[in-house]
Protein backbone atom coordinates (compact mmCIF):
# COMPACT_ATOMS: atom_id res chain seq x y z
CA MET A 1 154.89 84.48 171.46
CA THR A 2 155.32 86.17 168.66
CA GLN A 3 154.99 84.28 165.60
CA TYR A 4 154.98 85.73 161.49
CA ILE A 5 153.93 84.48 158.60
CA PRO A 6 156.16 84.84 155.53
CA PHE A 7 154.83 87.17 152.88
CA GLU A 8 154.68 84.58 150.39
CA ASP A 9 152.47 82.46 152.01
CA THR A 10 149.95 85.17 152.25
CA GLY A 11 149.33 85.25 148.54
CA TYR A 12 149.00 88.62 148.50
CA PHE A 13 152.55 89.63 147.53
CA SER A 14 154.59 89.71 144.07
CA LYS A 15 156.95 87.07 143.21
CA PHE A 16 159.61 90.04 142.65
CA ILE A 17 158.87 91.62 146.18
CA THR A 18 159.42 87.54 147.89
CA ASP A 19 162.22 87.28 145.95
CA TYR A 20 163.83 90.88 146.90
CA LEU A 21 163.63 89.73 150.78
CA ALA A 22 164.95 86.30 150.24
CA GLN A 23 167.43 88.01 148.89
CA LYS A 24 168.07 86.29 145.48
CA GLU A 25 171.03 86.80 143.67
CA PRO A 26 169.78 88.33 140.43
CA LEU A 27 168.20 90.76 142.14
CA LYS A 28 171.28 91.82 143.59
CA CYS A 29 172.41 93.97 141.57
CA LEU A 30 169.16 96.63 141.78
CA TYR A 31 170.14 97.55 145.56
CA HIS A 32 173.25 98.86 146.75
CA ARG A 33 172.98 97.08 150.59
CA PHE A 34 170.19 95.09 151.96
CA PRO A 35 168.45 96.70 155.00
CA LEU A 36 170.11 94.37 157.61
CA THR A 37 170.95 96.63 160.96
CA THR A 38 174.64 95.64 160.18
CA ASN A 39 174.75 97.72 157.06
CA PHE A 40 173.80 101.10 158.54
CA LEU A 41 177.34 101.59 159.44
CA GLU A 42 178.53 101.58 155.91
CA GLN A 43 175.59 103.30 154.89
CA ILE A 44 176.07 105.68 157.12
CA LYS A 45 179.49 106.70 156.24
CA GLU A 46 178.80 106.98 152.16
CA LYS A 47 176.11 109.42 152.88
CA GLN A 48 178.05 111.54 155.08
CA ALA A 49 180.60 111.88 152.83
CA HIS A 50 178.04 112.91 150.05
CA PHE A 51 175.76 114.97 152.15
CA PRO A 52 176.81 118.73 151.65
CA LYS A 53 176.60 120.80 155.61
CA GLU A 54 174.88 123.23 153.59
CA HIS A 55 171.94 120.82 152.52
CA ARG A 56 171.47 120.43 156.24
CA THR A 57 171.32 124.37 157.13
CA LEU A 58 169.00 124.82 154.44
CA LEU A 59 166.54 121.80 155.29
CA PHE A 60 166.93 123.07 159.02
CA GLN A 61 165.47 126.42 157.85
CA VAL A 62 162.95 124.82 155.69
CA LEU A 63 161.66 122.73 158.33
CA LYS A 64 161.61 125.61 160.91
CA GLU A 65 159.26 127.72 158.41
CA GLN A 66 157.18 124.92 157.32
CA TYR A 67 156.38 124.32 161.46
CA GLN A 68 156.14 128.01 162.70
CA ASN A 69 152.20 127.79 163.10
CA LEU A 70 151.83 124.00 164.51
CA SER A 71 152.68 123.01 168.31
CA ILE A 72 155.24 120.63 168.13
CA SER A 73 156.39 117.85 170.94
CA GLU A 74 159.76 118.26 172.38
CA LYS A 75 161.05 115.07 170.87
CA THR A 76 159.89 116.43 167.19
CA HIS A 77 161.79 119.80 168.12
CA SER A 78 165.27 118.07 169.35
CA HIS A 79 164.98 116.02 165.82
CA ILE A 80 164.77 118.85 164.13
CA GLU A 81 167.65 120.79 165.58
CA ALA A 82 169.40 117.55 165.42
CA LEU A 83 169.61 117.75 161.50
CA GLN A 84 172.03 120.41 161.38
CA GLN A 85 174.47 117.96 163.04
CA GLU A 86 176.88 115.51 160.52
CA HIS A 87 175.79 112.84 162.89
CA THR A 88 172.44 113.00 162.45
CA PHE A 89 170.41 111.09 159.64
CA THR A 90 167.04 110.31 158.64
CA ILE A 91 164.93 107.09 157.91
CA THR A 92 162.01 108.20 155.36
CA THR A 93 158.56 106.77 154.30
CA GLY A 94 156.16 108.93 151.93
CA HIS A 95 152.36 108.97 150.82
CA GLN A 96 150.05 111.17 149.53
CA LEU A 97 147.58 113.30 151.59
CA SER A 98 144.97 110.51 152.22
CA LEU A 99 141.92 112.00 153.65
CA PHE A 100 141.94 111.06 157.24
CA THR A 101 145.09 108.47 156.42
CA GLY A 102 142.94 106.25 154.04
CA PRO A 103 143.79 102.69 154.78
CA LEU A 104 145.71 101.51 157.70
CA TYR A 105 149.17 100.84 155.61
CA PHE A 106 149.80 104.59 156.08
CA ILE A 107 149.89 104.20 159.78
CA TYR A 108 152.13 101.06 159.16
CA LYS A 109 154.33 102.63 157.18
CA ILE A 110 154.88 105.61 159.49
CA VAL A 111 155.34 103.23 162.73
CA SER A 112 158.00 101.20 160.57
CA THR A 113 159.93 104.33 159.98
CA ILE A 114 159.68 105.32 163.74
CA VAL A 115 160.18 101.88 165.31
CA SER A 116 163.47 101.47 162.79
CA CYS A 117 164.99 105.02 164.23
CA GLN A 118 164.37 103.98 167.34
CA GLN A 119 165.94 100.28 167.08
CA LEU A 120 169.10 101.87 164.94
CA LYS A 121 169.91 104.45 167.91
CA GLN A 122 170.07 101.26 170.27
CA LEU A 123 172.60 99.27 168.01
CA TYR A 124 174.29 102.55 167.05
CA PRO A 125 173.97 105.17 170.14
CA ASN A 126 176.42 107.58 168.70
CA TYR A 127 174.39 108.78 166.01
CA THR A 128 170.87 110.21 165.77
CA PHE A 129 168.41 108.69 163.39
CA VAL A 130 164.80 111.00 162.67
CA PRO A 131 161.86 109.51 160.97
CA ILE A 132 161.00 111.40 158.25
CA TYR A 133 157.27 111.71 156.65
CA TRP A 134 157.71 112.96 153.30
CA MET A 135 153.67 114.41 152.14
CA ALA A 136 153.07 114.12 148.58
CA THR A 137 151.90 117.66 148.44
CA GLU A 138 152.73 117.91 144.44
CA ASP A 139 150.91 114.75 143.77
CA HIS A 140 147.51 115.29 141.54
CA ASP A 141 145.49 111.89 141.42
CA PHE A 142 142.79 113.40 143.86
CA GLU A 143 140.18 110.52 143.30
CA GLU A 144 142.93 108.42 144.88
CA ILE A 145 142.84 110.20 148.11
CA ASN A 146 139.27 111.81 148.60
CA HIS A 147 137.72 109.07 150.28
CA PHE A 148 138.41 106.57 153.33
CA THR A 149 136.14 103.81 154.54
CA PHE A 150 135.19 103.57 158.24
CA GLN A 151 132.80 99.88 159.26
CA GLY A 152 132.62 99.79 155.56
CA GLN A 153 131.07 102.83 155.27
CA LYS A 154 133.03 104.87 152.12
CA LEU A 155 132.84 108.35 153.12
CA SER A 156 134.18 110.93 149.55
CA TRP A 157 135.16 114.11 149.82
CA HIS A 158 134.19 115.99 146.41
CA SER A 159 136.04 119.28 145.12
CA LYS A 160 136.62 120.66 141.59
CA GLU A 161 140.36 122.10 142.08
CA GLY A 162 142.72 120.74 139.65
CA GLY A 163 146.82 120.08 139.95
CA ALA A 164 148.65 119.67 142.95
CA VAL A 165 145.80 118.68 145.77
CA GLY A 166 148.28 119.72 148.35
CA THR A 167 146.67 123.54 147.62
CA PHE A 168 143.34 122.20 147.30
CA SER A 169 141.01 124.05 149.61
CA THR A 170 139.61 121.68 152.52
CA GLU A 171 136.05 123.26 151.57
CA GLY A 172 133.28 120.58 151.47
CA LEU A 173 135.14 118.64 154.05
CA ASP A 174 132.51 119.62 156.52
CA LYS A 175 129.97 117.76 155.41
CA VAL A 176 132.25 114.82 155.28
CA ALA A 177 132.60 115.80 159.25
CA SER A 178 128.89 115.89 159.35
CA VAL A 179 128.24 112.17 158.57
CA LEU A 180 131.88 110.91 160.18
CA ASN A 181 130.16 112.35 163.64
CA ILE A 182 127.16 110.13 163.22
CA LEU A 183 129.33 107.00 162.19
CA LEU A 184 131.87 107.41 165.28
CA GLY A 185 129.23 107.33 167.96
CA LYS A 186 129.45 109.07 171.55
CA SER A 187 132.45 106.49 173.38
CA HIS A 188 135.00 108.67 174.72
CA GLN A 189 137.25 107.81 171.67
CA GLY A 190 134.61 108.66 169.41
CA GLU A 191 134.34 112.30 170.27
CA SER A 192 138.35 112.40 170.14
CA LEU A 193 138.22 111.09 166.27
CA LYS A 194 135.66 113.97 165.74
CA ARG A 195 137.70 116.75 167.34
CA LEU A 196 140.85 115.64 165.42
CA PHE A 197 138.96 115.44 162.00
CA GLU A 198 137.77 119.16 162.84
CA LYS A 199 140.57 120.26 163.64
CA ALA A 200 142.68 119.07 161.02
CA TYR A 201 140.20 119.30 157.91
CA ILE A 202 137.69 122.46 159.06
CA GLU A 203 140.33 124.89 160.99
CA HIS A 204 142.67 124.37 158.28
CA ALA A 205 142.85 126.35 154.56
CA THR A 206 144.68 123.54 152.51
CA LEU A 207 144.69 119.75 152.44
CA ALA A 208 148.41 120.29 153.00
CA GLU A 209 148.17 122.04 156.09
CA ALA A 210 145.50 119.74 157.53
CA THR A 211 147.32 116.74 156.80
CA ARG A 212 150.45 118.04 158.67
CA TYR A 213 148.17 118.87 161.41
CA LEU A 214 146.60 115.37 161.60
CA VAL A 215 149.98 113.63 161.36
CA ASN A 216 151.62 115.65 163.89
CA GLU A 217 148.78 114.82 166.19
CA LEU A 218 149.27 111.28 165.79
CA PHE A 219 152.89 110.66 165.88
CA ALA A 220 154.62 113.57 167.56
CA PRO A 221 155.19 112.06 170.82
CA TYR A 222 157.80 109.87 168.80
CA GLY A 223 159.30 112.56 167.29
CA LEU A 224 158.10 111.77 163.81
CA VAL A 225 159.22 115.14 161.17
CA ILE A 226 156.83 116.17 158.51
CA ILE A 227 158.91 117.44 155.12
CA ASP A 228 156.69 119.24 152.42
CA GLY A 229 158.73 118.84 149.26
CA ASP A 230 156.75 121.82 147.38
CA ASN A 231 158.89 124.48 148.22
CA PRO A 232 161.41 126.89 146.02
CA LYS A 233 164.52 126.80 148.55
CA LEU A 234 164.36 123.26 148.43
CA LYS A 235 163.39 123.09 145.11
CA GLY A 236 166.44 125.18 144.50
CA CYS A 237 168.92 122.21 145.49
CA LEU A 238 167.12 120.05 142.55
CA ALA A 239 166.95 122.16 139.81
CA PRO A 240 170.74 121.24 138.69
CA TYR A 241 168.93 117.58 138.28
CA LEU A 242 166.06 118.82 136.56
CA LYS A 243 168.55 120.83 134.38
CA ARG A 244 170.32 117.57 133.27
CA GLU A 245 166.59 115.68 132.85
CA LEU A 246 165.42 118.18 130.84
CA PHE A 247 168.43 118.45 128.32
CA GLU A 248 169.95 115.05 128.83
CA GLN A 249 166.80 112.86 129.85
CA LEU A 250 169.45 110.68 131.78
CA SER A 251 166.67 109.25 133.80
CA GLN A 252 165.00 107.38 130.87
CA LYS A 253 168.35 105.70 129.42
CA GLU A 254 169.25 104.23 132.73
CA VAL A 255 165.86 102.70 133.92
CA GLU A 256 165.23 101.36 130.75
CA LYS A 257 168.79 99.51 130.74
CA THR A 258 167.20 98.34 134.45
CA LEU A 259 163.81 97.59 132.72
CA SER A 260 165.30 95.36 130.37
CA TYR A 261 167.41 93.36 132.71
CA ILE A 262 164.60 92.83 135.06
CA LYS A 263 162.43 91.25 132.19
CA GLN A 264 164.95 89.27 131.11
CA THR A 265 165.97 87.93 134.73
CA ASP A 266 162.06 86.75 135.13
CA LYS A 267 158.73 87.56 133.25
CA SER A 268 156.81 87.54 136.01
CA TYR A 269 158.38 90.58 137.34
CA PRO A 270 156.50 93.65 136.79
CA GLU A 271 157.30 97.08 135.33
CA GLN A 272 156.04 98.99 137.85
CA VAL A 273 156.79 102.75 136.43
CA HIS A 274 157.68 103.43 132.95
CA PRO A 275 160.34 106.53 132.61
CA ARG A 276 159.37 109.01 130.38
CA GLU A 277 161.62 111.01 127.98
CA ILE A 278 161.10 113.90 130.54
CA ASN A 279 159.90 113.38 133.94
CA ILE A 280 158.93 116.37 135.09
CA PHE A 281 155.54 118.13 135.84
CA TYR A 282 155.33 122.08 135.27
CA LEU A 283 153.42 123.45 138.32
CA SER A 284 151.60 126.20 138.72
CA LYS A 285 147.73 127.43 139.98
CA GLY A 286 145.51 124.64 139.20
CA ILE A 287 147.80 122.41 136.81
CA ARG A 288 150.32 119.95 137.21
CA GLU A 289 151.21 118.59 133.80
CA ARG A 290 153.70 117.14 131.76
CA ILE A 291 156.56 118.49 129.79
CA VAL A 292 157.10 117.18 126.65
CA LYS A 293 159.81 117.95 123.72
CA GLU A 294 158.21 118.56 120.20
CA ASN A 295 160.30 119.63 117.56
CA GLY A 296 163.10 121.18 119.45
CA VAL A 297 160.16 123.47 121.83
CA TYR A 298 159.51 122.23 125.16
CA LYS A 299 155.72 122.33 125.74
CA VAL A 300 153.21 121.89 128.66
CA LEU A 301 150.54 119.51 127.90
CA ASN A 302 147.05 120.71 128.04
CA THR A 303 147.96 124.20 127.88
CA HIS A 304 149.52 126.71 125.78
CA ILE A 305 152.23 127.17 127.84
CA GLU A 306 155.44 126.68 126.05
CA PHE A 307 159.12 127.27 125.92
CA THR A 308 162.48 127.47 124.06
CA PRO A 309 165.51 125.53 125.23
CA GLU A 310 166.78 129.14 126.81
CA ALA A 311 163.72 130.12 127.99
CA LEU A 312 163.46 126.77 129.91
CA GLU A 313 166.85 127.05 131.26
CA GLU A 314 165.51 130.92 132.67
CA GLU A 315 162.16 129.91 133.88
CA LEU A 316 164.24 126.63 135.86
CA THR A 317 166.65 129.17 136.88
CA GLN A 318 164.09 131.53 138.54
CA PHE A 319 161.26 129.23 139.67
CA PRO A 320 162.08 126.29 140.13
CA GLU A 321 159.34 125.66 142.38
CA ARG A 322 157.31 125.39 138.89
CA PHE A 323 158.98 122.25 138.01
CA SER A 324 157.92 119.14 139.79
CA PRO A 325 159.54 115.92 139.88
CA ASN A 326 157.29 112.40 138.77
CA VAL A 327 157.71 109.43 140.48
CA ILE A 328 160.79 108.80 138.79
CA LEU A 329 162.34 111.66 139.94
CA ARG A 330 160.90 111.99 143.34
CA PRO A 331 163.38 109.63 145.17
CA LEU A 332 166.05 111.49 143.63
CA TYR A 333 164.71 114.78 144.92
CA GLN A 334 164.21 113.28 148.56
CA GLU A 335 167.88 112.03 148.81
CA ILE A 336 169.41 115.17 147.90
CA ILE A 337 167.82 117.37 150.42
CA LEU A 338 167.91 114.59 153.21
CA PRO A 339 170.61 112.81 154.74
CA ASN A 340 168.54 109.93 154.54
CA LEU A 341 169.84 106.28 154.96
CA ALA A 342 166.49 104.11 154.10
CA TYR A 343 163.21 104.21 152.35
CA ILE A 344 160.14 102.53 153.71
CA GLY A 345 157.45 101.33 151.74
CA GLY A 346 154.73 99.31 150.44
CA GLY A 347 155.53 96.18 147.83
CA GLY A 348 154.67 98.31 144.86
CA GLU A 349 157.12 101.04 146.07
CA ILE A 350 159.73 99.08 146.71
CA ALA A 351 159.44 97.55 143.27
CA TYR A 352 159.84 101.03 141.67
CA TRP A 353 162.66 101.72 143.61
CA LEU A 354 164.34 98.83 142.32
CA GLU A 355 164.21 100.13 139.12
CA LEU A 356 166.20 103.26 140.17
CA LYS A 357 170.02 102.27 140.89
CA THR A 358 171.40 102.93 137.59
CA MET A 359 170.19 106.50 137.72
CA PHE A 360 171.00 107.39 141.14
CA ALA A 361 174.76 106.48 139.96
CA ALA A 362 174.65 108.48 136.87
CA TYR A 363 173.59 111.08 139.08
CA GLY A 364 175.93 110.76 141.53
CA VAL A 365 173.60 110.17 144.46
CA PRO A 366 173.90 107.54 146.67
CA PHE A 367 171.25 104.76 146.44
CA PRO A 368 169.10 104.37 150.18
CA MET A 369 168.33 100.97 151.42
CA LEU A 370 164.88 99.64 150.97
CA MET A 371 162.65 98.79 153.32
CA LEU A 372 159.27 96.89 152.93
CA ARG A 373 156.73 98.56 155.66
CA ASN A 374 155.73 96.01 158.14
CA SER A 375 152.41 94.45 157.15
CA VAL A 376 149.64 93.56 159.47
CA LEU A 377 146.33 91.57 160.29
CA LEU A 378 144.27 92.99 163.30
CA VAL A 379 142.58 90.66 164.91
CA SER A 380 139.74 91.26 167.63
CA ASP A 381 139.96 88.58 171.05
CA LYS A 382 136.45 87.80 169.57
CA GLN A 383 137.85 87.00 166.11
CA ARG A 384 140.82 85.06 167.71
CA LYS A 385 138.30 82.92 169.84
CA ASN A 386 136.13 82.46 166.64
CA ILE A 387 139.50 81.38 164.71
CA GLU A 388 140.42 78.12 168.02
CA LYS A 389 137.10 77.53 167.42
CA LEU A 390 136.34 76.86 163.82
CA ARG A 391 139.69 75.22 163.88
CA LEU A 392 141.31 77.09 162.10
CA SER A 393 145.27 77.84 161.26
CA TYR A 394 146.53 81.65 160.53
CA HIS A 395 147.69 80.35 157.49
CA ASP A 396 143.94 79.22 155.98
CA ILE A 397 142.41 82.24 156.85
CA PHE A 398 144.99 83.66 154.30
CA LEU A 399 143.43 81.15 151.81
CA LYS A 400 140.81 82.96 148.88
CA ASN A 401 137.23 81.90 149.96
CA ASN A 402 136.28 79.44 147.52
CA ILE A 403 139.75 77.77 148.14
CA LEU A 404 139.47 77.90 152.27
CA GLU A 405 135.69 76.57 151.27
CA ASN A 406 137.13 73.49 149.45
CA LYS A 407 139.81 72.84 151.82
CA ILE A 408 137.48 73.00 154.93
CA THR A 409 134.72 70.78 153.58
CA GLN A 410 137.70 68.44 152.76
CA LYS A 411 138.74 68.37 156.56
CA LEU A 412 135.15 68.15 157.36
CA SER A 413 134.05 65.09 155.14
CA GLU A 414 133.96 61.93 156.88
CA TYR A 415 135.28 60.58 153.74
CA PRO A 416 138.17 62.06 150.66
CA ILE A 417 136.57 64.05 148.21
CA ASP A 418 139.96 64.13 146.81
CA PHE A 419 140.18 61.85 143.61
CA SER A 420 144.11 62.42 142.87
CA SER A 421 144.75 59.02 143.76
CA GLN A 422 142.01 57.27 141.29
CA LYS A 423 143.10 60.00 138.40
CA GLN A 424 146.89 58.79 138.83
CA MET A 425 145.76 55.33 138.59
CA LEU A 426 143.68 56.06 135.26
CA GLU A 427 146.29 58.09 133.87
CA LYS A 428 149.05 54.96 134.59
CA GLN A 429 146.33 52.36 132.88
CA PHE A 430 146.10 54.51 129.95
CA ALA A 431 150.14 55.14 129.69
CA ASP A 432 150.10 50.98 129.40
CA LEU A 433 147.10 51.28 126.56
CA LEU A 434 149.10 54.09 124.65
CA GLU A 435 152.54 51.78 125.02
CA ILE A 436 150.04 48.58 123.44
CA ALA A 437 148.94 50.96 120.85
CA LEU A 438 152.07 51.92 119.91
CA HIS A 439 153.57 48.91 119.29
CA THR A 440 150.54 47.28 117.74
CA ASP A 441 148.21 49.66 115.83
CA LYS A 442 149.20 53.39 115.88
CA SER A 443 145.65 54.25 114.57
CA PHE A 444 144.46 53.70 117.82
CA LEU A 445 146.81 56.18 119.54
CA GLY A 446 144.09 59.07 119.06
CA ALA A 447 141.09 56.91 119.75
CA VAL A 448 143.02 55.97 123.32
CA LYS A 449 143.88 59.67 124.10
CA ALA A 450 140.53 60.75 123.65
CA GLN A 451 138.94 58.33 125.91
CA GLU A 452 141.76 59.61 128.23
CA LYS A 453 140.58 62.74 128.56
CA LYS A 454 137.14 61.80 128.62
CA GLN A 455 137.17 59.59 131.61
CA LEU A 456 139.81 62.16 133.14
CA LYS A 457 136.80 64.51 132.93
CA GLY A 458 134.36 62.43 134.04
CA LEU A 459 136.19 61.85 137.49
CA GLU A 460 136.10 65.74 137.73
CA GLN A 461 133.04 66.01 137.46
CA LEU A 462 132.01 63.24 139.86
CA GLU A 463 134.50 64.87 142.10
CA LYS A 464 132.59 68.73 141.91
CA ARG A 465 129.20 66.97 142.50
CA LEU A 466 130.66 65.29 145.42
CA LEU A 467 132.12 68.37 146.75
CA LYS A 468 129.14 70.29 146.64
CA ALA A 469 127.29 67.93 148.25
CA GLN A 470 128.96 68.33 150.72
CA LYS A 471 129.10 71.64 150.93
CA LYS A 472 125.57 71.77 151.33
CA LYS A 473 126.00 69.23 154.24
CA TYR A 474 128.05 71.68 155.82
CA LYS A 475 126.41 74.77 155.00
CA GLU A 476 126.19 76.25 158.51
CA GLN A 477 129.89 75.74 159.58
CA LEU A 478 131.38 77.28 156.30
CA GLU A 479 129.02 80.18 156.57
CA ARG A 480 130.42 81.38 159.74
CA ILE A 481 134.48 80.77 158.60
CA LEU A 482 133.30 82.91 155.26
CA SER A 483 132.00 85.25 157.85
CA LEU A 484 135.14 85.32 160.03
CA ARG A 485 137.72 85.46 156.61
CA ILE A 486 135.31 88.21 155.10
CA SER A 487 135.37 90.27 158.43
CA LEU A 488 139.53 89.97 158.08
CA PHE A 489 139.51 90.51 154.84
CA PRO A 490 137.19 92.97 153.21
CA LYS A 491 136.67 93.18 149.87
CA GLU A 492 139.11 89.91 149.82
CA SER A 493 141.53 92.23 150.12
CA LEU A 494 144.09 93.05 153.16
CA GLN A 495 142.51 94.63 155.96
CA GLU A 496 145.11 97.59 155.59
CA ARG A 497 144.42 98.39 152.04
CA VAL A 498 140.58 99.15 152.72
CA ASP A 499 139.97 99.67 156.46
CA ASN A 500 140.54 103.18 158.48
CA PHE A 501 142.67 103.20 161.49
CA SER A 502 139.67 105.04 163.22
CA GLU A 503 137.56 102.18 163.22
CA TYR A 504 140.56 100.27 165.41
CA MET A 505 141.46 103.79 167.77
CA ILE A 506 138.15 103.12 168.86
CA GLN A 507 138.20 98.84 169.37
CA THR A 508 141.73 99.53 171.49
CA GLN A 509 140.28 102.97 173.03
CA GLY A 510 143.10 105.18 171.40
CA GLN A 511 146.01 102.67 172.09
CA LEU A 512 146.22 101.55 168.44
CA ILE A 513 149.68 103.35 167.59
CA GLU A 514 151.11 102.43 171.10
CA MET A 515 150.36 98.74 170.96
CA LEU A 516 151.99 98.83 167.16
CA ILE A 517 155.10 100.93 168.06
CA LYS A 518 155.83 98.34 170.85
CA HIS A 519 155.03 95.14 169.19
CA LEU A 520 156.17 96.05 165.47
CA ASN A 521 159.80 95.17 163.97
CA PRO A 522 160.91 96.41 160.89
CA PHE A 523 163.77 94.30 160.16
CA ASP A 524 161.86 90.77 160.62
CA PHE A 525 160.67 90.65 157.02
CA ARG A 526 157.26 88.76 157.79
CA PHE A 527 153.81 89.65 158.40
CA VAL A 528 152.05 90.44 161.31
CA ILE A 529 149.27 89.04 162.74
CA LEU A 530 148.19 91.09 166.14
CA CYS A 531 145.16 90.39 168.48
CA TYR A 532 144.01 92.61 170.57
CA ASP A 533 141.26 92.41 173.26
CA THR A 534 138.44 94.87 173.25
CA SER A 535 137.03 94.31 176.44
CA TYR A 536 139.59 96.47 178.42
CA ARG A 537 139.09 99.78 179.81
CA GLU A 538 140.27 103.18 179.00
CA GLY A 539 144.00 103.16 179.67
CA GLU A 540 144.45 99.05 180.10
CA CYS A 541 145.93 97.45 177.08
CA ILE A 542 145.92 93.62 176.75
CA GLU A 543 147.70 92.59 173.79
CA TYR A 544 148.13 89.34 171.73
CA PHE A 545 150.93 88.47 169.06
CA ILE A 546 149.74 85.18 167.14
């Protein structure tokens, strides 16, 4: 039996995202079509009408070049070939080049993309759907990607290089490999993961090459296609749009209109990203710096590079690869060069995509459907049994530690600790006193209100003392509950934002990705709890969906 928890019940997702998933009326103007399977045919027709044949040809040529030194599966090969055909479309996710994939959600994003394509193929058999992973090779936030966590141990890689991380040398990763080799142990799966890390990061010269190899090894059986946008031919397609951005500042005008609407709709909604006057970086060896306009001259921040408008236009024409879109324009770049129908991302990503629809319209590019990736809590069979033994619900374990502790203490206590009824009775009594004072001597109003405040505070103090006493009484059981929750929510965060996939590959004897592919449903927008049995032998796999 499969059960899910609504995202809003987890306490880990913003109101903006849960309102989007609920298709609240005020947010409908921020997207074109909601990602229901029934809406894909119209999206296909629209994209088909606006995606040039020459873009398909170029995309195919670039992918052939990017894959020329990599052994790929027959399914990935057929997907690349299929991209030349007008009945082929993509579902895309993107992510930074996180070391050894970083947190688990890297895996979930790609699995969601693959399963989406599988389900759409069943519903629309006359079309081909290709899962795409867009490597964020031009990103320069090295500190965000240079580490991963294995069984609570943080493994970090240090490099003094600058600029786009995709070009970083993998030098120094042999030290990370040495530490990881010890932590992974000597199980069959541990040895397999050691070889995977070494082949990816020791035998490839750059981080982009290493990441492509790693992701291909993990997902090639499912036909995943990996693309690197840091390519002069692909940037050539983007150049006309970059020209408008440089000289018209179109995206800032459009996105700021949307941001204003979002804030007026609900002040709790976030401003996920803010547009710059120019949303383009200048890219060169060792640098990726913003382009700014000052007194009619275009300058590259933190360098001595500057251009007149005429020189900048010439630079863009001759060297489009030297221009890198920022977070505002990268989605536009993706939709220009891919026959894409939907983007799959986390809550933060979907939030900033929802700022971009009017910008897409201004540039004349179809806006894709936006799908929140699957979120999963992996629970071992031992943890599942402990949850049942401690009489916890799966909603309980999502409560913050202090809230859960209070709730369980109140449940275990032989008499009620909640003084709500006493507080309500007290408030009613003082309401009567205020009414009397109001009709007799108004000078007593202040004294009555002060006395009410004092007595309510006294009740709250008594409640806290009683709760504290009961916590001591049930200390051992509470410690077991909190220990269980900490094991499921490391650092008080979602497991998927901290733990690395390798830990669960060992526990599932390498079955993790297959398990996720088999059971996740990207079109059911709820949080999944997946229980797995760690006692099976290799080749066997017992899974539970809770």
